[in-house]
N, C-alpha and C. Protein backbone atom coordinates (compact mmCIF):
# COMPACT_ATOMS: atom_id res chain seq x y z
N MET A 1 0.82 -1.19 0.00
CA MET A 1 0.00 0.00 0.00
C MET A 1 0.87 1.26 0.00
N ILE A 2 1.86 1.30 0.89
CA ILE A 2 2.73 2.47 0.97
C ILE A 2 3.56 2.59 -0.29
N ARG A 3 4.01 1.46 -0.82
CA ARG A 3 4.80 1.47 -2.06
C ARG A 3 3.95 2.01 -3.22
N THR A 4 2.71 1.57 -3.33
CA THR A 4 1.80 2.04 -4.37
C THR A 4 1.58 3.54 -4.24
N LEU A 5 1.36 4.00 -3.03
CA LEU A 5 1.16 5.42 -2.78
C LEU A 5 2.40 6.22 -3.19
N ALA A 6 3.58 5.70 -2.89
CA ALA A 6 4.82 6.39 -3.27
C ALA A 6 4.95 6.49 -4.79
N VAL A 7 4.60 5.44 -5.50
CA VAL A 7 4.66 5.44 -6.97
C VAL A 7 3.67 6.47 -7.52
N VAL A 8 2.47 6.49 -6.99
CA VAL A 8 1.44 7.44 -7.45
C VAL A 8 1.90 8.88 -7.19
N LEU A 9 2.41 9.15 -6.02
CA LEU A 9 2.87 10.50 -5.69
C LEU A 9 4.04 10.93 -6.57
N THR A 10 4.96 10.03 -6.83
CA THR A 10 6.08 10.34 -7.72
C THR A 10 5.57 10.64 -9.12
N SER A 11 4.64 9.84 -9.63
CA SER A 11 4.07 10.06 -10.96
C SER A 11 3.36 11.40 -11.04
N LEU A 12 2.58 11.73 -10.02
CA LEU A 12 1.87 13.01 -10.00
C LEU A 12 2.84 14.18 -9.96
N THR A 13 3.93 14.04 -9.24
CA THR A 13 4.94 15.09 -9.18
C THR A 13 5.55 15.31 -10.56
N LEU A 14 5.89 14.23 -11.26
CA LEU A 14 6.47 14.35 -12.60
C LEU A 14 5.49 14.99 -13.56
N VAL A 15 4.23 14.57 -13.51
CA VAL A 15 3.21 15.13 -14.39
C VAL A 15 2.97 16.59 -14.05
N SER A 16 2.83 16.92 -12.78
CA SER A 16 2.55 18.31 -12.41
C SER A 16 3.71 19.22 -12.78
N THR A 17 4.93 18.75 -12.72
CA THR A 17 6.08 19.54 -13.13
C THR A 17 5.96 19.87 -14.61
N HIS A 18 5.56 18.90 -15.43
CA HIS A 18 5.44 19.12 -16.86
C HIS A 18 4.19 19.92 -17.21
N LEU A 19 3.18 19.87 -16.34
CA LEU A 19 1.97 20.66 -16.58
C LEU A 19 2.28 22.15 -16.53
N CYS A 20 3.32 22.52 -15.82
CA CYS A 20 3.68 23.92 -15.62
C CYS A 20 4.93 24.31 -16.41
N ALA A 21 5.24 23.64 -17.48
CA ALA A 21 6.44 23.91 -18.26
C ALA A 21 6.41 25.33 -18.81
N THR A 22 7.59 25.86 -19.10
CA THR A 22 7.71 27.18 -19.69
C THR A 22 8.11 27.04 -21.16
N PRO A 23 7.25 27.46 -22.08
CA PRO A 23 7.56 27.34 -23.51
C PRO A 23 8.80 28.14 -23.91
N LEU A 24 9.50 27.66 -24.91
CA LEU A 24 10.70 28.33 -25.39
C LEU A 24 10.38 29.72 -25.92
N ALA A 25 11.21 30.67 -25.56
CA ALA A 25 11.04 32.05 -25.99
C ALA A 25 11.70 32.28 -27.34
N VAL A 26 11.25 33.32 -28.01
CA VAL A 26 11.86 33.74 -29.27
C VAL A 26 13.33 34.04 -29.00
N GLY A 27 14.20 33.55 -29.90
CA GLY A 27 15.64 33.74 -29.78
C GLY A 27 16.36 32.56 -29.16
N THR A 28 15.60 31.66 -28.55
CA THR A 28 16.18 30.46 -27.93
C THR A 28 16.62 29.48 -29.01
N THR A 29 17.70 28.77 -28.77
CA THR A 29 18.13 27.72 -29.70
C THR A 29 17.05 26.64 -29.77
N ALA A 30 16.73 26.22 -30.98
CA ALA A 30 15.70 25.20 -31.18
C ALA A 30 16.17 23.86 -30.63
N PRO A 31 15.25 23.09 -30.05
CA PRO A 31 15.62 21.79 -29.47
C PRO A 31 16.15 20.82 -30.52
N GLN A 32 17.17 20.09 -30.13
CA GLN A 32 17.78 19.06 -30.96
C GLN A 32 17.21 17.72 -30.49
N VAL A 33 16.02 17.39 -30.92
CA VAL A 33 15.32 16.20 -30.45
C VAL A 33 15.05 15.25 -31.61
N SER A 34 14.71 14.04 -31.26
CA SER A 34 14.33 13.02 -32.24
C SER A 34 13.05 12.36 -31.76
N ALA A 35 12.29 11.84 -32.71
CA ALA A 35 11.05 11.14 -32.39
C ALA A 35 10.74 10.23 -33.58
N ILE A 36 9.51 9.73 -33.64
CA ILE A 36 9.09 8.94 -34.80
C ILE A 36 7.90 9.61 -35.46
N ASP A 37 7.81 9.42 -36.76
CA ASP A 37 6.72 10.05 -37.51
C ASP A 37 5.53 9.11 -37.65
N GLN A 38 4.57 9.51 -38.44
CA GLN A 38 3.33 8.75 -38.63
C GLN A 38 3.58 7.40 -39.31
N GLU A 39 4.73 7.23 -39.91
CA GLU A 39 5.09 5.96 -40.56
C GLU A 39 5.90 5.07 -39.63
N GLY A 40 6.22 5.58 -38.43
CA GLY A 40 7.06 4.84 -37.49
C GLY A 40 8.54 5.00 -37.78
N LYS A 41 8.88 5.95 -38.65
CA LYS A 41 10.28 6.20 -39.01
C LYS A 41 10.86 7.30 -38.12
N PRO A 42 12.16 7.19 -37.81
CA PRO A 42 12.78 8.22 -36.98
C PRO A 42 12.85 9.56 -37.71
N ILE A 43 12.67 10.61 -36.96
CA ILE A 43 12.80 11.96 -37.49
C ILE A 43 13.68 12.75 -36.53
N ASN A 44 14.74 13.32 -37.07
CA ASN A 44 15.67 14.11 -36.30
C ASN A 44 15.38 15.58 -36.62
N PHE A 45 14.94 16.32 -35.63
CA PHE A 45 14.55 17.71 -35.86
C PHE A 45 15.71 18.55 -36.38
N THR A 46 16.92 18.27 -35.98
CA THR A 46 18.08 19.01 -36.46
C THR A 46 18.19 18.89 -37.98
N ASP A 47 17.95 17.70 -38.51
CA ASP A 47 17.98 17.49 -39.96
C ASP A 47 16.87 18.27 -40.65
N VAL A 48 15.70 18.33 -40.02
CA VAL A 48 14.58 19.08 -40.59
C VAL A 48 14.90 20.57 -40.61
N TYR A 49 15.38 21.11 -39.49
CA TYR A 49 15.73 22.54 -39.43
C TYR A 49 16.74 22.91 -40.51
N ALA A 50 17.66 22.00 -40.80
CA ALA A 50 18.70 22.28 -41.80
C ALA A 50 18.12 22.50 -43.20
N LYS A 51 16.90 22.01 -43.42
CA LYS A 51 16.26 22.14 -44.74
C LYS A 51 15.53 23.47 -44.89
N GLY A 52 15.38 24.23 -43.79
CA GLY A 52 14.73 25.54 -43.90
C GLY A 52 13.79 25.84 -42.75
N THR A 53 13.11 26.94 -42.89
CA THR A 53 12.18 27.42 -41.86
C THR A 53 11.12 26.36 -41.60
N THR A 54 10.87 26.11 -40.32
CA THR A 54 10.00 25.00 -39.93
C THR A 54 8.98 25.44 -38.90
N LEU A 55 7.72 25.12 -39.15
CA LEU A 55 6.66 25.28 -38.16
C LEU A 55 6.55 23.96 -37.40
N VAL A 56 6.71 24.02 -36.09
CA VAL A 56 6.47 22.87 -35.23
C VAL A 56 5.25 23.24 -34.41
N TYR A 57 4.13 22.55 -34.68
CA TYR A 57 2.93 22.89 -33.93
C TYR A 57 2.47 21.68 -33.12
N PHE A 58 2.06 21.96 -31.90
CA PHE A 58 1.62 20.94 -30.95
C PHE A 58 0.12 20.99 -30.84
N TYR A 59 -0.49 19.82 -30.83
CA TYR A 59 -1.95 19.73 -30.68
C TYR A 59 -2.27 18.59 -29.73
N PRO A 60 -3.38 18.71 -29.02
CA PRO A 60 -3.69 17.71 -27.98
C PRO A 60 -3.98 16.30 -28.48
N LYS A 61 -4.85 16.14 -29.47
CA LYS A 61 -5.30 14.79 -29.82
C LYS A 61 -5.76 14.72 -31.26
N ALA A 62 -5.14 13.83 -32.02
CA ALA A 62 -5.52 13.63 -33.43
C ALA A 62 -6.99 13.23 -33.53
N GLY A 63 -7.67 13.85 -34.48
CA GLY A 63 -9.05 13.47 -34.77
C GLY A 63 -10.09 14.25 -33.99
N THR A 64 -9.69 15.05 -33.00
CA THR A 64 -10.67 15.86 -32.28
C THR A 64 -11.01 17.09 -33.12
N SER A 65 -12.11 17.74 -32.82
CA SER A 65 -12.59 18.82 -33.67
C SER A 65 -11.61 19.98 -33.79
N GLY A 66 -11.08 20.47 -32.68
CA GLY A 66 -10.15 21.59 -32.74
C GLY A 66 -8.85 21.23 -33.45
N CYS A 67 -8.35 20.04 -33.19
CA CYS A 67 -7.10 19.61 -33.81
C CYS A 67 -7.28 19.37 -35.30
N THR A 68 -8.44 18.89 -35.68
CA THR A 68 -8.74 18.70 -37.10
C THR A 68 -8.86 20.05 -37.79
N ALA A 69 -9.54 21.01 -37.16
CA ALA A 69 -9.68 22.34 -37.74
C ALA A 69 -8.31 23.00 -37.94
N GLU A 70 -7.43 22.84 -36.96
CA GLU A 70 -6.09 23.42 -37.06
C GLU A 70 -5.30 22.76 -38.19
N ALA A 71 -5.30 21.44 -38.24
CA ALA A 71 -4.56 20.71 -39.28
C ALA A 71 -5.11 21.04 -40.67
N CYS A 72 -6.42 21.12 -40.79
CA CYS A 72 -7.02 21.40 -42.09
C CYS A 72 -6.78 22.84 -42.53
N SER A 73 -6.69 23.77 -41.58
CA SER A 73 -6.33 25.14 -41.91
C SER A 73 -4.94 25.17 -42.54
N LEU A 74 -4.02 24.46 -41.92
CA LEU A 74 -2.66 24.39 -42.47
C LEU A 74 -2.64 23.66 -43.80
N ARG A 75 -3.42 22.58 -43.92
CA ARG A 75 -3.51 21.83 -45.18
C ARG A 75 -4.05 22.71 -46.30
N ASP A 76 -5.13 23.44 -46.02
CA ASP A 76 -5.77 24.25 -47.05
C ASP A 76 -4.90 25.40 -47.53
N ASN A 77 -3.93 25.79 -46.72
CA ASN A 77 -3.03 26.89 -47.07
C ASN A 77 -1.60 26.41 -47.26
N TYR A 78 -1.45 25.10 -47.38
CA TYR A 78 -0.12 24.49 -47.45
C TYR A 78 0.68 25.00 -48.65
N GLU A 79 0.06 25.09 -49.81
CA GLU A 79 0.81 25.51 -51.01
C GLU A 79 1.44 26.88 -50.82
N LYS A 80 0.68 27.81 -50.28
CA LYS A 80 1.19 29.18 -50.06
C LYS A 80 2.28 29.17 -48.98
N LEU A 81 2.01 28.48 -47.88
CA LEU A 81 3.00 28.42 -46.79
C LEU A 81 4.29 27.75 -47.27
N HIS A 82 4.13 26.67 -48.01
CA HIS A 82 5.30 25.94 -48.52
C HIS A 82 6.05 26.77 -49.57
N ALA A 83 5.31 27.50 -50.40
CA ALA A 83 5.93 28.37 -51.39
C ALA A 83 6.75 29.48 -50.71
N ASP A 84 6.34 29.86 -49.51
CA ASP A 84 7.09 30.84 -48.73
C ASP A 84 8.25 30.19 -47.97
N GLY A 85 8.50 28.89 -48.26
CA GLY A 85 9.65 28.20 -47.70
C GLY A 85 9.42 27.50 -46.38
N LEU A 86 8.17 27.34 -45.97
CA LEU A 86 7.87 26.74 -44.67
C LEU A 86 7.66 25.24 -44.77
N GLN A 87 8.30 24.52 -43.85
CA GLN A 87 8.04 23.10 -43.63
C GLN A 87 7.12 23.02 -42.41
N ILE A 88 6.28 22.00 -42.34
CA ILE A 88 5.34 21.88 -41.22
C ILE A 88 5.49 20.51 -40.58
N ILE A 89 5.55 20.52 -39.25
CA ILE A 89 5.54 19.28 -38.47
C ILE A 89 4.50 19.44 -37.37
N GLY A 90 3.53 18.53 -37.35
CA GLY A 90 2.54 18.49 -36.29
C GLY A 90 2.96 17.47 -35.24
N VAL A 91 2.76 17.79 -33.97
CA VAL A 91 3.21 16.92 -32.88
C VAL A 91 2.09 16.72 -31.86
N SER A 92 1.83 15.45 -31.53
CA SER A 92 0.91 15.14 -30.42
C SER A 92 1.38 13.86 -29.75
N ARG A 93 0.75 13.52 -28.64
CA ARG A 93 1.11 12.32 -27.89
C ARG A 93 0.55 11.05 -28.53
N ASP A 94 -0.19 11.18 -29.62
CA ASP A 94 -0.77 10.02 -30.29
C ASP A 94 0.31 9.08 -30.82
N ASN A 95 -0.03 7.80 -30.94
CA ASN A 95 0.92 6.81 -31.48
C ASN A 95 0.99 6.95 -33.00
N PRO A 96 1.97 6.32 -33.64
CA PRO A 96 2.12 6.46 -35.09
C PRO A 96 0.87 6.05 -35.87
N GLY A 97 0.20 4.99 -35.44
CA GLY A 97 -1.01 4.55 -36.14
C GLY A 97 -2.10 5.60 -36.13
N ALA A 98 -2.32 6.22 -34.99
CA ALA A 98 -3.33 7.28 -34.88
C ALA A 98 -2.93 8.49 -35.72
N GLN A 99 -1.63 8.80 -35.72
CA GLN A 99 -1.15 9.93 -36.53
C GLN A 99 -1.35 9.63 -38.03
N LYS A 100 -1.06 8.41 -38.43
CA LYS A 100 -1.22 8.03 -39.84
C LYS A 100 -2.68 8.11 -40.26
N ARG A 101 -3.59 7.61 -39.42
CA ARG A 101 -5.03 7.70 -39.72
C ARG A 101 -5.45 9.16 -39.85
N PHE A 102 -5.00 9.99 -38.92
CA PHE A 102 -5.32 11.42 -38.93
C PHE A 102 -4.81 12.06 -40.22
N GLN A 103 -3.60 11.72 -40.60
CA GLN A 103 -3.01 12.26 -41.83
C GLN A 103 -3.81 11.81 -43.06
N ASP A 104 -4.12 10.52 -43.14
CA ASP A 104 -4.83 9.98 -44.29
C ASP A 104 -6.26 10.51 -44.39
N GLU A 105 -6.97 10.50 -43.27
CA GLU A 105 -8.37 10.95 -43.27
C GLU A 105 -8.51 12.41 -43.68
N ASN A 106 -7.50 13.21 -43.35
CA ASN A 106 -7.58 14.65 -43.64
C ASN A 106 -6.67 15.09 -44.77
N LYS A 107 -6.03 14.12 -45.44
CA LYS A 107 -5.14 14.40 -46.58
C LYS A 107 -4.12 15.49 -46.23
N LEU A 108 -3.45 15.28 -45.10
CA LEU A 108 -2.46 16.25 -44.63
C LEU A 108 -1.14 16.04 -45.36
N PRO A 109 -0.59 17.07 -46.01
CA PRO A 109 0.63 16.93 -46.80
C PRO A 109 1.92 17.14 -46.01
N PHE A 110 1.83 17.10 -44.70
CA PHE A 110 3.00 17.35 -43.87
C PHE A 110 3.18 16.24 -42.84
N THR A 111 4.34 16.24 -42.23
CA THR A 111 4.74 15.21 -41.26
C THR A 111 4.03 15.38 -39.93
N LEU A 112 3.63 14.25 -39.35
CA LEU A 112 3.08 14.24 -38.00
C LEU A 112 4.01 13.41 -37.13
N VAL A 113 4.31 13.91 -35.96
CA VAL A 113 5.22 13.24 -35.04
C VAL A 113 4.42 12.60 -33.91
N ALA A 114 4.76 11.35 -33.63
CA ALA A 114 4.15 10.60 -32.53
C ALA A 114 5.03 10.78 -31.30
N ASP A 115 4.70 11.77 -30.50
CA ASP A 115 5.49 12.10 -29.30
C ASP A 115 4.92 11.33 -28.10
N THR A 116 4.94 10.01 -28.22
CA THR A 116 4.28 9.16 -27.22
C THR A 116 4.87 9.30 -25.82
N ASP A 117 6.15 9.64 -25.72
CA ASP A 117 6.76 9.79 -24.40
C ASP A 117 6.82 11.25 -23.94
N GLY A 118 6.34 12.16 -24.78
CA GLY A 118 6.29 13.58 -24.41
C GLY A 118 7.62 14.30 -24.45
N LYS A 119 8.65 13.67 -25.00
CA LYS A 119 10.00 14.27 -24.99
C LYS A 119 10.11 15.49 -25.91
N VAL A 120 9.39 15.48 -27.02
CA VAL A 120 9.44 16.63 -27.93
C VAL A 120 8.75 17.82 -27.27
N ALA A 121 7.56 17.60 -26.72
CA ALA A 121 6.85 18.67 -26.02
C ALA A 121 7.70 19.20 -24.87
N GLU A 122 8.32 18.31 -24.14
CA GLU A 122 9.17 18.72 -23.02
C GLU A 122 10.33 19.59 -23.51
N ALA A 123 10.96 19.21 -24.62
CA ALA A 123 12.09 19.97 -25.16
C ALA A 123 11.67 21.39 -25.57
N PHE A 124 10.45 21.54 -26.06
CA PHE A 124 9.95 22.86 -26.46
C PHE A 124 9.32 23.60 -25.28
N GLY A 125 9.20 22.93 -24.14
CA GLY A 125 8.60 23.55 -22.96
C GLY A 125 7.09 23.69 -23.06
N VAL A 126 6.47 22.82 -23.85
CA VAL A 126 5.02 22.87 -24.03
C VAL A 126 4.35 22.24 -22.81
N PRO A 127 3.54 23.01 -22.11
CA PRO A 127 2.84 22.46 -20.95
C PRO A 127 1.85 21.37 -21.37
N MET A 128 1.59 20.49 -20.44
CA MET A 128 0.62 19.43 -20.65
C MET A 128 -0.67 19.77 -19.92
N MET A 129 -1.75 19.21 -20.41
CA MET A 129 -3.03 19.30 -19.71
C MET A 129 -3.52 17.88 -19.54
N MET A 130 -4.29 17.64 -18.53
CA MET A 130 -4.79 16.28 -18.31
C MET A 130 -5.90 15.98 -19.31
N GLY A 131 -5.80 14.81 -19.91
CA GLY A 131 -6.80 14.38 -20.89
C GLY A 131 -6.96 12.89 -20.78
N GLY A 132 -7.85 12.45 -19.93
CA GLY A 132 -8.00 11.01 -19.72
C GLY A 132 -6.85 10.49 -18.89
N ILE A 133 -6.27 9.39 -19.30
CA ILE A 133 -5.20 8.75 -18.53
C ILE A 133 -3.87 9.47 -18.72
N LEU A 134 -3.57 9.90 -19.92
CA LEU A 134 -2.28 10.53 -20.21
C LEU A 134 -2.43 12.04 -20.36
N PRO A 135 -1.40 12.78 -20.01
CA PRO A 135 -1.43 14.22 -20.26
C PRO A 135 -1.32 14.47 -21.77
N LEU A 136 -1.94 15.56 -22.21
CA LEU A 136 -1.93 15.94 -23.62
C LEU A 136 -1.22 17.29 -23.76
N ALA A 137 -0.51 17.47 -24.85
CA ALA A 137 0.18 18.73 -25.09
C ALA A 137 -0.83 19.85 -25.31
N GLN A 138 -0.53 21.01 -24.76
CA GLN A 138 -1.37 22.17 -25.04
C GLN A 138 -1.10 22.63 -26.47
N ARG A 139 -2.07 23.34 -27.03
CA ARG A 139 -1.97 23.82 -28.40
C ARG A 139 -1.02 25.01 -28.45
N GLN A 140 0.16 24.80 -29.02
CA GLN A 140 1.15 25.86 -29.17
C GLN A 140 1.90 25.66 -30.47
N SER A 141 2.44 26.76 -31.01
CA SER A 141 3.16 26.70 -32.28
C SER A 141 4.47 27.47 -32.18
N PHE A 142 5.46 26.97 -32.92
CA PHE A 142 6.79 27.58 -32.95
C PHE A 142 7.30 27.58 -34.38
N ILE A 143 7.88 28.69 -34.80
CA ILE A 143 8.59 28.72 -36.08
C ILE A 143 10.07 28.73 -35.76
N VAL A 144 10.78 27.78 -36.36
CA VAL A 144 12.23 27.66 -36.21
C VAL A 144 12.88 28.14 -37.49
N LYS A 145 13.79 29.09 -37.34
CA LYS A 145 14.52 29.62 -38.49
C LYS A 145 15.98 29.77 -38.06
N ASP A 146 16.88 29.25 -38.88
CA ASP A 146 18.32 29.31 -38.56
C ASP A 146 18.61 28.74 -37.17
N ASN A 147 17.94 27.61 -36.87
CA ASN A 147 18.13 26.89 -35.60
C ASN A 147 17.73 27.67 -34.36
N LYS A 148 16.94 28.70 -34.51
CA LYS A 148 16.45 29.50 -33.38
C LYS A 148 14.92 29.57 -33.44
N ILE A 149 14.32 29.74 -32.27
CA ILE A 149 12.88 29.99 -32.22
C ILE A 149 12.70 31.42 -32.73
N ALA A 150 12.04 31.57 -33.87
CA ALA A 150 11.85 32.88 -34.49
C ALA A 150 10.49 33.47 -34.15
N TRP A 151 9.55 32.63 -33.74
CA TRP A 151 8.19 33.05 -33.42
C TRP A 151 7.54 31.95 -32.61
N ASN A 152 6.64 32.34 -31.72
CA ASN A 152 5.84 31.33 -31.04
C ASN A 152 4.44 31.87 -30.80
N SER A 153 3.52 30.97 -30.73
CA SER A 153 2.14 31.29 -30.38
C SER A 153 1.76 30.34 -29.26
N LEU A 154 1.61 30.90 -28.07
CA LEU A 154 1.34 30.08 -26.91
C LEU A 154 -0.16 29.84 -26.70
N LYS A 155 -0.95 30.44 -27.56
CA LYS A 155 -2.39 30.17 -27.58
C LYS A 155 -2.79 30.05 -29.05
N ALA A 156 -2.22 29.07 -29.70
CA ALA A 156 -2.38 28.89 -31.14
C ALA A 156 -3.85 28.75 -31.52
N GLN A 157 -4.14 29.18 -32.71
CA GLN A 157 -5.49 29.13 -33.27
C GLN A 157 -5.84 27.72 -33.73
N THR A 158 -7.12 27.50 -33.99
CA THR A 158 -7.53 26.23 -34.61
C THR A 158 -7.79 26.53 -36.08
N ALA A 159 -9.01 26.94 -36.42
CA ALA A 159 -9.35 27.20 -37.83
C ALA A 159 -8.53 28.36 -38.41
N GLY A 160 -8.05 29.26 -37.57
CA GLY A 160 -7.28 30.41 -38.04
C GLY A 160 -5.78 30.20 -37.98
N SER A 161 -5.36 28.98 -37.81
CA SER A 161 -3.94 28.69 -37.64
C SER A 161 -3.10 29.15 -38.81
N ALA A 162 -3.51 28.85 -40.02
CA ALA A 162 -2.71 29.20 -41.20
C ALA A 162 -2.55 30.71 -41.33
N ALA A 163 -3.61 31.46 -41.07
CA ALA A 163 -3.53 32.92 -41.15
C ALA A 163 -2.55 33.47 -40.11
N GLU A 164 -2.59 32.91 -38.92
CA GLU A 164 -1.69 33.32 -37.85
C GLU A 164 -0.23 33.02 -38.25
N VAL A 165 0.01 31.85 -38.80
CA VAL A 165 1.36 31.45 -39.22
C VAL A 165 1.83 32.30 -40.40
N GLN A 166 0.93 32.57 -41.35
CA GLN A 166 1.29 33.39 -42.52
C GLN A 166 1.69 34.79 -42.07
N LYS A 167 0.95 35.36 -41.15
CA LYS A 167 1.27 36.69 -40.63
C LYS A 167 2.66 36.67 -39.98
N ALA A 168 2.94 35.64 -39.22
CA ALA A 168 4.26 35.51 -38.58
C ALA A 168 5.36 35.39 -39.64
N LEU A 169 5.13 34.57 -40.65
CA LEU A 169 6.11 34.41 -41.74
C LEU A 169 6.39 35.73 -42.43
N ASP A 170 5.31 36.46 -42.73
CA ASP A 170 5.46 37.76 -43.39
C ASP A 170 6.31 38.70 -42.53
N GLY A 171 6.14 38.63 -41.22
CA GLY A 171 6.91 39.47 -40.31
C GLY A 171 8.37 39.07 -40.21
N LEU A 172 8.69 37.83 -40.58
CA LEU A 172 10.08 37.35 -40.50
C LEU A 172 10.88 37.65 -41.76
N LYS A 173 10.20 38.10 -42.80
CA LYS A 173 10.90 38.35 -44.08
C LYS A 173 11.77 39.58 -44.01
């Protein structure tokens, strides 16, 4: 009983610490993290950043209404954003299979990362919120340019996500 209580208290302490994370500020060096994508293949963020300006956006749960609206906003404006040199990576705690279904169902032309252990969110300082059994990443967005955080939105939009990102991109030119 005491051992179980100790394990629960330790787990709650770890979760509560991450619930109060501080997101990376503009000018901070971008995290050098790795994870797996919707295909189960490794993705090294350093390699992605080397290819150009990158939007890394965090969303709570694939397939939910707000997360779908956000992803579809980016999808519907992908050609313009990509023409402006932007790469897009979506990140949630979902497993690769759920990410792949989300990508296929919504015809998303960008990479989705399965941050099942929360290490990518932790590296970006994205706070977690409780969602069922596991904590879920809060909705936040970061633009990485020249290996630095060039912009962040700590209360990212859903349906208006692409417009918010486009405005940020225009400001970075």
